[in-house]
Amino acid sequence: MTPRTAATAFRIVAVAEAFSWVGLLIGMFVKYVPETSELGVKIFGPLHGGIFVAYVLVALLASRVLRWSPMTTLLALGASVPPLVTIWFERWATRTGRLPAPDAVPTT
């Protein structure tokens, strides 16, 4: 696997993990505050769980391919616990050179 492929996979899963967190939080709000429906939790609970596992696996793979330090790897893994922190980690890792920058799309 190339570093660019690992970085792209990491970015996709990091954003998906954050969005699934948002869906789960909205589902939990609807379930517990107005107590109207459990549908959001039934949908986003398993979805978030699956994406969470994918994020951990892709983070470990990216760590190996991109040769992250143990501290960077721990930050990536820890970012999966609080809501939306995977996006912060992805931006930080790109800014600090730990993730290769995505290719710019030329304008024609």
PDB file of N, CA and C in Angstrom:
ATOM      1  N   MET A   1       0.851  -1.170   0.000  1.00  0.00           N
ATOM      2  CA  MET A   1       0.000   0.000   0.000  1.00  0.00           C
ATOM      3  C   MET A   1       0.902   1.239   0.000  1.00  0.00           C
ATOM      4  N   THR A   2       0.562   2.196  -0.839  1.00  0.00           N
ATOM      5  CA  THR A   2       1.361   3.414  -0.918  1.00  0.00           C
ATOM      6  C   THR A   2       0.955   4.386   0.191  1.00  0.00           C
ATOM      7  N   PRO A   3       1.845   5.302   0.548  1.00  0.00           N
ATOM      8  CA  PRO A   3       1.476   6.311   1.549  1.00  0.00           C
ATOM      9  C   PRO A   3       0.263   7.145   1.132  1.00  0.00           C
ATOM     10  N   ARG A   4       0.142   7.469  -0.138  1.00  0.00           N
ATOM     11  CA  ARG A   4      -0.994   8.269  -0.610  1.00  0.00           C
ATOM     12  C   ARG A   4      -2.297   7.499  -0.436  1.00  0.00           C
ATOM     13  N   THR A   5      -2.282   6.211  -0.735  1.00  0.00           N
ATOM     14  CA  THR A   5      -3.482   5.371  -0.576  1.00  0.00           C
ATOM     15  C   THR A   5      -3.861   5.253   0.903  1.00  0.00           C
ATOM     16  N   ALA A   6      -2.873   5.047   1.746  1.00  0.00           N
ATOM     17  CA  ALA A   6      -3.140   4.949   3.187  1.00  0.00           C
ATOM     18  C   ALA A   6      -3.721   6.249   3.719  1.00  0.00           C
ATOM     19  N   ALA A   7      -3.165   7.378   3.265  1.00  0.00           N
ATOM     20  CA  ALA A   7      -3.666   8.680   3.719  1.00  0.00           C
ATOM     21  C   ALA A   7      -5.093   8.917   3.243  1.00  0.00           C
ATOM     22  N   THR A   8      -5.383   8.558   2.009  1.00  0.00           N
ATOM     23  CA  THR A   8      -6.742   8.733   1.469  1.00  0.00           C
ATOM     24  C   THR A   8      -7.736   7.863   2.226  1.00  0.00           C
ATOM     25  N   ALA A   9      -7.376   6.611   2.459  1.00  0.00           N
ATOM     26  CA  ALA A   9      -8.262   5.716   3.213  1.00  0.00           C
ATOM     27  C   ALA A   9      -8.487   6.258   4.618  1.00  0.00           C
ATOM     28  N   PHE A  10      -7.422   6.745   5.240  1.00  0.00           N
ATOM     29  CA  PHE A  10      -7.558   7.296   6.593  1.00  0.00           C
ATOM     30  C   PHE A  10      -8.502   8.492   6.593  1.00  0.00           C
ATOM     31  N   ARG A  11      -8.335   9.395   5.641  1.00  0.00           N
ATOM     32  CA  ARG A  11      -9.206  10.583   5.571  1.00  0.00           C
ATOM     33  C   ARG A  11     -10.670  10.189   5.426  1.00  0.00           C
ATOM     34  N   ILE A  12     -10.948   9.258   4.541  1.00  0.00           N
ATOM     35  CA  ILE A  12     -12.337   8.839   4.293  1.00  0.00           C
ATOM     36  C   ILE A  12     -12.951   8.251   5.558  1.00  0.00           C
ATOM     37  N   VAL A  13     -12.227   7.362   6.202  1.00  0.00           N
ATOM     38  CA  VAL A  13     -12.765   6.698   7.396  1.00  0.00           C
ATOM     39  C   VAL A  13     -12.861   7.679   8.567  1.00  0.00           C
ATOM     40  N   ALA A  14     -11.920   8.623   8.669  1.00  0.00           N
ATOM     41  CA  ALA A  14     -11.968   9.614   9.756  1.00  0.00           C
ATOM     42  C   ALA A  14     -13.216  10.494   9.639  1.00  0.00           C
ATOM     43  N   VAL A  15     -13.528  10.919   8.426  1.00  0.00           N
ATOM     44  CA  VAL A  15     -14.722  11.751   8.229  1.00  0.00           C
ATOM     45  C   VAL A  15     -15.987  10.918   8.441  1.00  0.00           C
ATOM     46  N   ALA A  16     -16.002   9.700   7.935  1.00  0.00           N
ATOM     47  CA  ALA A  16     -17.167   8.828   8.127  1.00  0.00           C
ATOM     48  C   ALA A  16     -17.406   8.558   9.611  1.00  0.00           C
ATOM     49  N   GLU A  17     -16.322   8.359  10.365  1.00  0.00           N
ATOM     50  CA  GLU A  17     -16.459   8.111  11.801  1.00  0.00           C
ATOM     51  C   GLU A  17     -17.076   9.320  12.504  1.00  0.00           C
ATOM     52  N   ALA A  18     -16.653  10.513  12.114  1.00  0.00           N
ATOM     53  CA  ALA A  18     -17.206  11.734  12.716  1.00  0.00           C
ATOM     54  C   ALA A  18     -18.693  11.884  12.377  1.00  0.00           C
ATOM     55  N   PHE A  19     -19.060  11.656  11.128  1.00  0.00           N
ATOM     56  CA  PHE A  19     -20.466  11.776  10.743  1.00  0.00           C
ATOM     57  C   PHE A  19     -21.335  10.718  11.425  1.00  0.00           C
ATOM     58  N   SER A  20     -20.801   9.517  11.576  1.00  0.00           N
ATOM     59  CA  SER A  20     -21.590   8.489  12.257  1.00  0.00           C
ATOM     60  C   SER A  20     -21.775   8.833  13.733  1.00  0.00           C
ATOM     61  N   TRP A  21     -20.777   9.510  14.322  1.00  0.00           N
ATOM     62  CA  TRP A  21     -20.913   9.993  15.708  1.00  0.00           C
ATOM     63  C   TRP A  21     -22.065  10.986  15.792  1.00  0.00           C
ATOM     64  N   VAL A  22     -22.111  11.920  14.842  1.00  0.00           N
ATOM     65  CA  VAL A  22     -23.177  12.925  14.836  1.00  0.00           C
ATOM     66  C   VAL A  22     -24.540  12.242  14.718  1.00  0.00           C
ATOM     67  N   GLY A  23     -24.646  11.284  13.808  1.00  0.00           N
ATOM     68  CA  GLY A  23     -25.911  10.554  13.659  1.00  0.00           C
ATOM     69  C   GLY A  23     -26.307   9.836  14.935  1.00  0.00           C
ATOM     70  N   LEU A  24     -25.347   9.210  15.588  1.00  0.00           N
ATOM     71  CA  LEU A  24     -25.640   8.508  16.835  1.00  0.00           C
ATOM     72  C   LEU A  24     -26.041   9.487  17.937  1.00  0.00           C
ATOM     73  N   LEU A  25     -25.356  10.609  18.027  1.00  0.00           N
ATOM     74  CA  LEU A  25     -25.717  11.608  19.049  1.00  0.00           C
ATOM     75  C   LEU A  25     -27.126  12.161  18.824  1.00  0.00           C
ATOM     76  N   ILE A  26     -27.480  12.413  17.587  1.00  0.00           N
ATOM     77  CA  ILE A  26     -28.845  12.883  17.279  1.00  0.00           C
ATOM     78  C   ILE A  26     -29.853  11.794  17.633  1.00  0.00           C
ATOM     79  N   GLY A  27     -29.532  10.562  17.270  1.00  0.00           N
ATOM     80  CA  GLY A  27     -30.421   9.444  17.614  1.00  0.00           C
ATOM     81  C   GLY A  27     -30.599   9.293  19.111  1.00  0.00           C
ATOM     82  N   MET A  28     -29.519   9.465  19.871  1.00  0.00           N
ATOM     83  CA  MET A  28     -29.616   9.362  21.330  1.00  0.00           C
ATOM     84  C   MET A  28     -30.419  10.521  21.907  1.00  0.00           C
ATOM     85  N   PHE A  29     -30.261  11.706  21.337  1.00  0.00           N
ATOM     86  CA  PHE A  29     -31.053  12.848  21.798  1.00  0.00           C
ATOM     87  C   PHE A  29     -32.540  12.571  21.609  1.00  0.00           C
ATOM     88  N   VAL A  30     -32.904  12.111  20.407  1.00  0.00           N
ATOM     89  CA  VAL A  30     -34.322  11.839  20.112  1.00  0.00           C
ATOM     90  C   VAL A  30     -34.852  10.715  21.004  1.00  0.00           C
ATOM     91  N   LYS A  31     -34.007   9.745  21.290  1.00  0.00           N
ATOM     92  CA  LYS A  31     -34.447   8.629  22.127  1.00  0.00           C
ATOM     93  C   LYS A  31     -34.644   9.041  23.578  1.00  0.00           C
ATOM     94  N   TYR A  32     -33.740   9.846  24.118  1.00  0.00           N
ATOM     95  CA  TYR A  32     -33.754  10.107  25.561  1.00  0.00           C
ATOM     96  C   TYR A  32     -34.343  11.445  25.988  1.00  0.00           C
ATOM     97  N   VAL A  33     -34.346  12.454  25.112  1.00  0.00           N
ATOM     98  CA  VAL A  33     -34.870  13.750  25.549  1.00  0.00           C
ATOM     99  C   VAL A  33     -36.368  13.850  25.275  1.00  0.00           C
ATOM    100  N   PRO A  34     -36.803  13.889  24.009  1.00  0.00           N
ATOM    101  CA  PRO A  34     -38.257  13.903  23.823  1.00  0.00           C
ATOM    102  C   PRO A  34     -38.883  12.505  23.940  1.00  0.00           C
ATOM    103  N   GLU A  35     -38.012  11.479  23.986  1.00  0.00           N
ATOM    104  CA  GLU A  35     -38.449  10.089  24.109  1.00  0.00           C
ATOM    105  C   GLU A  35     -39.490   9.709  23.066  1.00  0.00           C
ATOM    106  N   THR A  36     -39.178  10.029  21.792  1.00  0.00           N
ATOM    107  CA  THR A  36     -40.138   9.755  20.734  1.00  0.00           C
ATOM    108  C   THR A  36     -39.809   8.531  19.889  1.00  0.00           C
ATOM    109  N   SER A  37     -38.522   8.259  19.662  1.00  0.00           N
ATOM    110  CA  SER A  37     -38.178   7.157  18.776  1.00  0.00           C
ATOM    111  C   SER A  37     -36.788   6.618  19.093  1.00  0.00           C
ATOM    112  N   GLU A  38     -36.622   5.324  18.887  1.00  0.00           N
ATOM    113  CA  GLU A  38     -35.318   4.679  19.040  1.00  0.00           C
ATOM    114  C   GLU A  38     -34.683   4.395  17.686  1.00  0.00           C
ATOM    115  N   LEU A  39     -35.327   4.804  16.611  1.00  0.00           N
ATOM    116  CA  LEU A  39     -34.873   4.475  15.262  1.00  0.00           C
ATOM    117  C   LEU A  39     -33.458   4.977  14.981  1.00  0.00           C
ATOM    118  N   GLY A  40     -33.151   6.206  15.401  1.00  0.00           N
ATOM    119  CA  GLY A  40     -31.814   6.752  15.152  1.00  0.00           C
ATOM    120  C   GLY A  40     -30.724   5.933  15.810  1.00  0.00           C
ATOM    121  N   VAL A  41     -30.979   5.468  17.034  1.00  0.00           N
ATOM    122  CA  VAL A  41     -29.987   4.654  17.741  1.00  0.00           C
ATOM    123  C   VAL A  41     -29.881   3.277  17.084  1.00  0.00           C
ATOM    124  N   LYS A  42     -31.009   2.735  16.645  1.00  0.00           N
ATOM    125  CA  LYS A  42     -30.989   1.422  15.998  1.00  0.00           C
ATOM    126  C   LYS A  42     -30.233   1.457  14.673  1.00  0.00           C
ATOM    127  N   ILE A  43     -30.301   2.589  13.987  1.00  0.00           N
ATOM    128  CA  ILE A  43     -29.597   2.718  12.708  1.00  0.00           C
ATOM    129  C   ILE A  43     -28.137   3.102  12.926  1.00  0.00           C
ATOM    130  N   PHE A  44     -27.916   4.186  13.677  1.00  0.00           N
ATOM    131  CA  PHE A  44     -26.564   4.722  13.796  1.00  0.00           C
ATOM    132  C   PHE A  44     -25.695   3.997  14.821  1.00  0.00           C
ATOM    133  N   GLY A  45     -26.288   3.268  15.753  1.00  0.00           N
ATOM    134  CA  GLY A  45     -25.486   2.514  16.714  1.00  0.00           C
ATOM    135  C   GLY A  45     -24.588   1.482  16.030  1.00  0.00           C
ATOM    136  N   PRO A  46     -25.187   0.545  15.285  1.00  0.00           N
ATOM    137  CA  PRO A  46     -24.359  -0.441  14.587  1.00  0.00           C
ATOM    138  C   PRO A  46     -23.488   0.185  13.491  1.00  0.00           C
ATOM    139  N   LEU A  47     -24.024   1.192  12.812  1.00  0.00           N
ATOM    140  CA  LEU A  47     -23.256   1.861  11.761  1.00  0.00           C
ATOM    141  C   LEU A  47     -22.003   2.500  12.354  1.00  0.00           C
ATOM    142  N   HIS A  48     -22.168   3.226  13.439  1.00  0.00           N
ATOM    143  CA  HIS A  48     -21.026   3.858  14.095  1.00  0.00           C
ATOM    144  C   HIS A  48     -20.049   2.811  14.625  1.00  0.00           C
ATOM    145  N   GLY A  49     -20.562   1.739  15.184  1.00  0.00           N
ATOM    146  CA  GLY A  49     -19.695   0.672  15.684  1.00  0.00           C
ATOM    147  C   GLY A  49     -18.823   0.080  14.589  1.00  0.00           C
ATOM    148  N   GLY A  50     -19.409  -0.170  13.445  1.00  0.00           N
ATOM    149  CA  GLY A  50     -18.656  -0.718  12.310  1.00  0.00           C
ATOM    150  C   GLY A  50     -17.614   0.255  11.785  1.00  0.00           C
ATOM    151  N   ILE A  51     -18.003   1.518  11.671  1.00  0.00           N
ATOM    152  CA  ILE A  51     -17.060   2.525  11.187  1.00  0.00           C
ATOM    153  C   ILE A  51     -15.959   2.764  12.211  1.00  0.00           C
ATOM    154  N   PHE A  52     -16.296   2.690  13.491  1.00  0.00           N
ATOM    155  CA  PHE A  52     -15.291   2.827  14.543  1.00  0.00           C
ATOM    156  C   PHE A  52     -14.218   1.746  14.399  1.00  0.00           C
ATOM    157  N   VAL A  53     -14.647   0.504  14.213  1.00  0.00           N
ATOM    158  CA  VAL A  53     -13.695  -0.599  14.050  1.00  0.00           C
ATOM    159  C   VAL A  53     -12.848  -0.374  12.793  1.00  0.00           C
ATOM    160  N   ALA A  54     -13.491   0.065  11.705  1.00  0.00           N
ATOM    161  CA  ALA A  54     -12.751   0.352  10.468  1.00  0.00           C
ATOM    162  C   ALA A  54     -11.727   1.459  10.702  1.00  0.00           C
ATOM    163  N   TYR A  55     -12.114   2.500  11.461  1.00  0.00           N
ATOM    164  CA  TYR A  55     -11.190   3.600  11.749  1.00  0.00           C
ATOM    165  C   TYR A  55      -9.968   3.091  12.509  1.00  0.00           C
ATOM    166  N   VAL A  56     -10.183   2.275  13.513  1.00  0.00           N
ATOM    167  CA  VAL A  56      -9.055   1.754  14.296  1.00  0.00           C
ATOM    168  C   VAL A  56      -8.121   0.940  13.394  1.00  0.00           C
ATOM    169  N   LEU A  57      -8.685   0.078  12.558  1.00  0.00           N
ATOM    170  CA  LEU A  57      -7.861  -0.737  11.665  1.00  0.00           C
ATOM    171  C   LEU A  57      -7.107   0.119  10.650  1.00  0.00           C
ATOM    172  N   VAL A  58      -7.790   1.087  10.059  1.00  0.00           N
ATOM    173  CA  VAL A  58      -7.136   1.957   9.071  1.00  0.00           C
ATOM    174  C   VAL A  58      -6.097   2.844   9.749  1.00  0.00           C
ATOM    175  N   ALA A  59      -6.360   3.298  10.963  1.00  0.00           N
ATOM    176  CA  ALA A  59      -5.370   4.109  11.688  1.00  0.00           C
ATOM    177  C   ALA A  59      -4.111   3.289  11.957  1.00  0.00           C
ATOM    178  N   LEU A  60      -4.273   2.031  12.355  1.00  0.00           N
ATOM    179  CA  LEU A  60      -3.107   1.179  12.585  1.00  0.00           C
ATOM    180  C   LEU A  60      -2.349   0.906  11.290  1.00  0.00           C
ATOM    181  N   LEU A  61      -3.082   0.693  10.204  1.00  0.00           N
ATOM    182  CA  LEU A  61      -2.453   0.489   8.907  1.00  0.00           C
ATOM    183  C   LEU A  61      -1.713   1.750   8.459  1.00  0.00           C
ATOM    184  N   ALA A  62      -2.367   2.908   8.583  1.00  0.00           N
ATOM    185  CA  ALA A  62      -1.725   4.173   8.206  1.00  0.00           C
ATOM    186  C   ALA A  62      -0.502   4.421   9.069  1.00  0.00           C
ATOM    187  N   SER A  63      -0.587   4.096  10.329  1.00  0.00           N
ATOM    188  CA  SER A  63       0.543   4.267  11.239  1.00  0.00           C
ATOM    189  C   SER A  63       1.761   3.493  10.746  1.00  0.00           C
ATOM    190  N   ARG A  64       1.511   2.307  10.293  1.00  0.00           N
ATOM    191  CA  ARG A  64       2.612   1.471   9.804  1.00  0.00           C
ATOM    192  C   ARG A  64       3.149   1.969   8.464  1.00  0.00           C
ATOM    193  N   VAL A  65       2.252   2.237   7.530  1.00  0.00           N
ATOM    194  CA  VAL A  65       2.667   2.673   6.193  1.00  0.00           C
ATOM    195  C   VAL A  65       3.339   4.043   6.242  1.00  0.00           C
ATOM    196  N   LEU A  66       2.785   4.958   7.036  1.00  0.00           N
ATOM    197  CA  LEU A  66       3.308   6.327   7.093  1.00  0.00           C
ATOM    198  C   LEU A  66       4.384   6.502   8.156  1.00  0.00           C
ATOM    199  N   ARG A  67       4.679   5.427   8.881  1.00  0.00           N
ATOM    200  CA  ARG A  67       5.724   5.412   9.907  1.00  0.00           C
ATOM    201  C   ARG A  67       5.516   6.486  10.977  1.00  0.00           C
ATOM    202  N   TRP A  68       4.300   6.480  11.526  1.00  0.00           N
ATOM    203  CA  TRP A  68       3.995   7.403  12.612  1.00  0.00           C
ATOM    204  C   TRP A  68       4.726   6.969  13.871  1.00  0.00           C
ATOM    205  N   SER A  69       5.005   7.926  14.717  1.00  0.00           N
ATOM    206  CA  SER A  69       5.587   7.615  16.019  1.00  0.00           C
ATOM    207  C   SER A  69       4.510   6.962  16.892  1.00  0.00           C
ATOM    208  N   PRO A  70       4.920   6.291  17.957  1.00  0.00           N
ATOM    209  CA  PRO A  70       3.916   5.712  18.871  1.00  0.00           C
ATOM    210  C   PRO A  70       2.955   6.774  19.422  1.00  0.00           C
ATOM    211  N   MET A  71       3.453   7.989  19.689  1.00  0.00           N
ATOM    212  CA  MET A  71       2.579   9.046  20.211  1.00  0.00           C
ATOM    213  C   MET A  71       1.540   9.474  19.174  1.00  0.00           C
ATOM    214  N   THR A  72       1.945   9.610  17.924  1.00  0.00           N
ATOM    215  CA  THR A  72       0.997   9.968  16.861  1.00  0.00           C
ATOM    216  C   THR A  72      -0.043   8.869  16.698  1.00  0.00           C
ATOM    217  N   THR A  73       0.396   7.629  16.768  1.00  0.00           N
ATOM    218  CA  THR A  73      -0.544   6.506  16.667  1.00  0.00           C
ATOM    219  C   THR A  73      -1.541   6.522  17.818  1.00  0.00           C
ATOM    220  N   LEU A  74      -1.065   6.780  19.019  1.00  0.00           N
ATOM    221  CA  LEU A  74      -1.974   6.868  20.173  1.00  0.00           C
ATOM    222  C   LEU A  74      -2.949   8.031  20.027  1.00  0.00           C
ATOM    223  N   LEU A  75      -2.479   9.156  19.510  1.00  0.00           N
ATOM    224  CA  LEU A  75      -3.375  10.293  19.265  1.00  0.00           C
ATOM    225  C   LEU A  75      -4.452   9.924  18.250  1.00  0.00           C
ATOM    226  N   ALA A  76      -4.051   9.239  17.179  1.00  0.00           N
ATOM    227  CA  ALA A  76      -5.024   8.821  16.162  1.00  0.00           C
ATOM    228  C   ALA A  76      -6.069   7.895  16.762  1.00  0.00           C
ATOM    229  N   LEU A  77      -5.625   6.938  17.561  1.00  0.00           N
ATOM    230  CA  LEU A  77      -6.565   6.001  18.179  1.00  0.00           C
ATOM    231  C   LEU A  77      -7.435   6.700  19.222  1.00  0.00           C
ATOM    232  N   GLY A  78      -6.849   7.565  20.015  1.00  0.00           N
ATOM    233  CA  GLY A  78      -7.612   8.302  21.021  1.00  0.00           C
ATOM    234  C   GLY A  78      -8.616   9.255  20.415  1.00  0.00           C
ATOM    235  N   ALA A  79      -8.330   9.731  19.210  1.00  0.00           N
ATOM    236  CA  ALA A  79      -9.241  10.663  18.536  1.00  0.00           C
ATOM    237  C   ALA A  79     -10.580  10.020  18.195  1.00  0.00           C
ATOM    238  N   SER A  80     -10.629   8.703  18.198  1.00  0.00           N
ATOM    239  CA  SER A  80     -11.877   8.027  17.841  1.00  0.00           C
ATOM    240  C   SER A  80     -12.887   8.013  18.976  1.00  0.00           C
ATOM    241  N   VAL A  81     -12.468   8.367  20.179  1.00  0.00           N
ATOM    242  CA  VAL A  81     -13.377   8.267  21.326  1.00  0.00           C
ATOM    243  C   VAL A  81     -14.279   9.499  21.463  1.00  0.00           C
ATOM    244  N   PRO A  82     -13.748  10.727  21.557  1.00  0.00           N
ATOM    245  CA  PRO A  82     -14.649  11.883  21.653  1.00  0.00           C
ATOM    246  C   PRO A  82     -15.276  12.196  20.288  1.00  0.00           C
ATOM    247  N   PRO A  83     -16.493  12.664  20.276  1.00  0.00           N
ATOM    248  CA  PRO A  83     -17.148  12.986  19.003  1.00  0.00           C
ATOM    249  C   PRO A  83     -16.382  14.037  18.197  1.00  0.00           C
ATOM    250  N   LEU A  84     -16.253  13.786  16.908  1.00  0.00           N
ATOM    251  CA  LEU A  84     -15.698  14.694  15.897  1.00  0.00           C
ATOM    252  C   LEU A  84     -14.193  14.939  15.996  1.00  0.00           C
ATOM    253  N   VAL A  85     -13.493  14.317  16.910  1.00  0.00           N
ATOM    254  CA  VAL A  85     -12.059  14.574  17.068  1.00  0.00           C
ATOM    255  C   VAL A  85     -11.249  13.911  15.959  1.00  0.00           C
ATOM    256  N   THR A  86     -11.814  12.918  15.265  1.00  0.00           N
ATOM    257  CA  THR A  86     -11.081  12.316  14.145  1.00  0.00           C
ATOM    258  C   THR A  86     -10.830  13.343  13.044  1.00  0.00           C
ATOM    259  N   ILE A  87     -11.759  14.286  12.867  1.00  0.00           N
ATOM    260  CA  ILE A  87     -11.551  15.341  11.861  1.00  0.00           C
ATOM    261  C   ILE A  87     -10.429  16.268  12.315  1.00  0.00           C
ATOM    262  N   TRP A  88     -10.412  16.626  13.601  1.00  0.00           N
ATOM    263  CA  TRP A  88      -9.324  17.457  14.120  1.00  0.00           C
ATOM    264  C   TRP A  88      -7.979  16.752  13.915  1.00  0.00           C
ATOM    265  N   PHE A  89      -7.922  15.458  14.242  1.00  0.00           N
ATOM    266  CA  PHE A  89      -6.664  14.731  14.094  1.00  0.00           C
ATOM    267  C   PHE A  89      -6.232  14.705  12.634  1.00  0.00           C
ATOM    268  N   GLU A  90      -7.147  14.457  11.719  1.00  0.00           N
ATOM    269  CA  GLU A  90      -6.809  14.405  10.289  1.00  0.00           C
ATOM    270  C   GLU A  90      -6.228  15.735   9.835  1.00  0.00           C
ATOM    271  N   ARG A  91      -6.841  16.834  10.230  1.00  0.00           N
ATOM    272  CA  ARG A  91      -6.329  18.164   9.850  1.00  0.00           C
ATOM    273  C   ARG A  91      -4.974  18.440  10.487  1.00  0.00           C
ATOM    274  N   TRP A  92      -4.822  18.086  11.755  1.00  0.00           N
ATOM    275  CA  TRP A  92      -3.551  18.284  12.439  1.00  0.00           C
ATOM    276  C   TRP A  92      -2.447  17.453  11.778  1.00  0.00           C
ATOM    277  N   ALA A  93      -2.752  16.190  11.477  1.00  0.00           N
ATOM    278  CA  ALA A  93      -1.760  15.305  10.861  1.00  0.00           C
ATOM    279  C   ALA A  93      -1.368  15.801   9.469  1.00  0.00           C
ATOM    280  N   THR A  94      -2.306  16.357   8.738  1.00  0.00           N
ATOM    281  CA  THR A  94      -1.981  16.923   7.420  1.00  0.00           C
ATOM    282  C   THR A  94      -1.117  18.166   7.582  1.00  0.00           C
ATOM    283  N   ARG A  95      -1.510  19.043   8.495  1.00  0.00           N
ATOM    284  CA  ARG A  95      -0.776  20.299   8.720  1.00  0.00           C
ATOM    285  C   ARG A  95       0.662  20.052   9.179  1.00  0.00           C
ATOM    286  N   THR A  96       0.868  19.005   9.972  1.00  0.00           N
ATOM    287  CA  THR A  96       2.201  18.733  10.513  1.00  0.00           C
ATOM    288  C   THR A  96       3.000  17.757   9.652  1.00  0.00           C
ATOM    289  N   GLY A  97       2.459  17.347   8.510  1.00  0.00           N
ATOM    290  CA  GLY A  97       3.182  16.472   7.595  1.00  0.00           C
ATOM    291  C   GLY A  97       3.100  14.994   7.916  1.00  0.00           C
ATOM    292  N   ARG A  98       2.270  14.615   8.851  1.00  0.00           N
ATOM    293  CA  ARG A  98       2.131  13.195   9.190  1.00  0.00           C
ATOM    294  C   ARG A  98       1.235  12.453   8.197  1.00  0.00           C
ATOM    295  N   LEU A  99       0.363  13.192   7.528  1.00  0.00           N
ATOM    296  CA  LEU A  99      -0.445  12.658   6.432  1.00  0.00           C
ATOM    297  C   LEU A  99      -0.057  13.427   5.176  1.00  0.00           C
ATOM    298  N   PRO A 100       0.244  12.731   4.075  1.00  0.00           N
ATOM    299  CA  PRO A 100       0.540  13.459   2.841  1.00  0.00           C
ATOM    300  C   PRO A 100      -0.662  14.301   2.435  1.00  0.00           C
ATOM    301  N   ALA A 101      -0.405  15.519   1.977  1.00  0.00           N
ATOM    302  CA  ALA A 101      -1.482  16.412   1.559  1.00  0.00           C
ATOM    303  C   ALA A 101      -2.195  15.806   0.354  1.00  0.00           C
ATOM    304  N   PRO A 102      -3.523  15.957   0.312  1.00  0.00           N
ATOM    305  CA  PRO A 102      -4.257  15.435  -0.854  1.00  0.00           C
ATOM    306  C   PRO A 102      -3.851  16.226  -2.098  1.00  0.00           C
ATOM    307  N   ASP A 103      -3.900  15.554  -3.253  1.00  0.00           N
ATOM    308  CA  ASP A 103      -3.564  16.220  -4.505  1.00  0.00           C
ATOM    309  C   ASP A 103      -4.553  17.345  -4.784  1.00  0.00           C
ATOM    310  N   ALA A 104      -4.015  18.442  -5.242  1.00  0.00           N
ATOM    311  CA  ALA A 104      -4.874  19.568  -5.620  1.00  0.00           C
ATOM    312  C   ALA A 104      -5.553  19.220  -6.947  1.00  0.00           C
ATOM    313  N   VAL A 105      -6.786  19.635  -7.090  1.00  0.00           N
ATOM    314  CA  VAL A 105      -7.521  19.409  -8.331  1.00  0.00           C
ATOM    315  C   VAL A 105      -7.298  20.629  -9.220  1.00  0.00           C
ATOM    316  N   PRO A 106      -6.717  20.413 -10.413  1.00  0.00           N
ATOM    317  CA  PRO A 106      -6.453  21.564 -11.280  1.00  0.00           C
ATOM    318  C   PRO A 106      -7.753  22.136 -11.824  1.00  0.00           C
ATOM    319  N   THR A 107      -7.798  23.435 -11.966  1.00  0.00           N
ATOM    320  CA  THR A 107      -8.965  24.079 -12.582  1.00  0.00           C
ATOM    321  C   THR A 107      -8.682  24.249 -14.056  1.00  0.00           C
ATOM    322  N   THR A 108      -9.688  23.970 -14.855  1.00  0.00           N
ATOM    323  CA  THR A 108      -9.512  24.061 -16.289  1.00  0.00           C
ATOM    324  C   THR A 108     -10.379  25.095 -16.913  1.00  0.00           C
TER     325      THR A 108
END
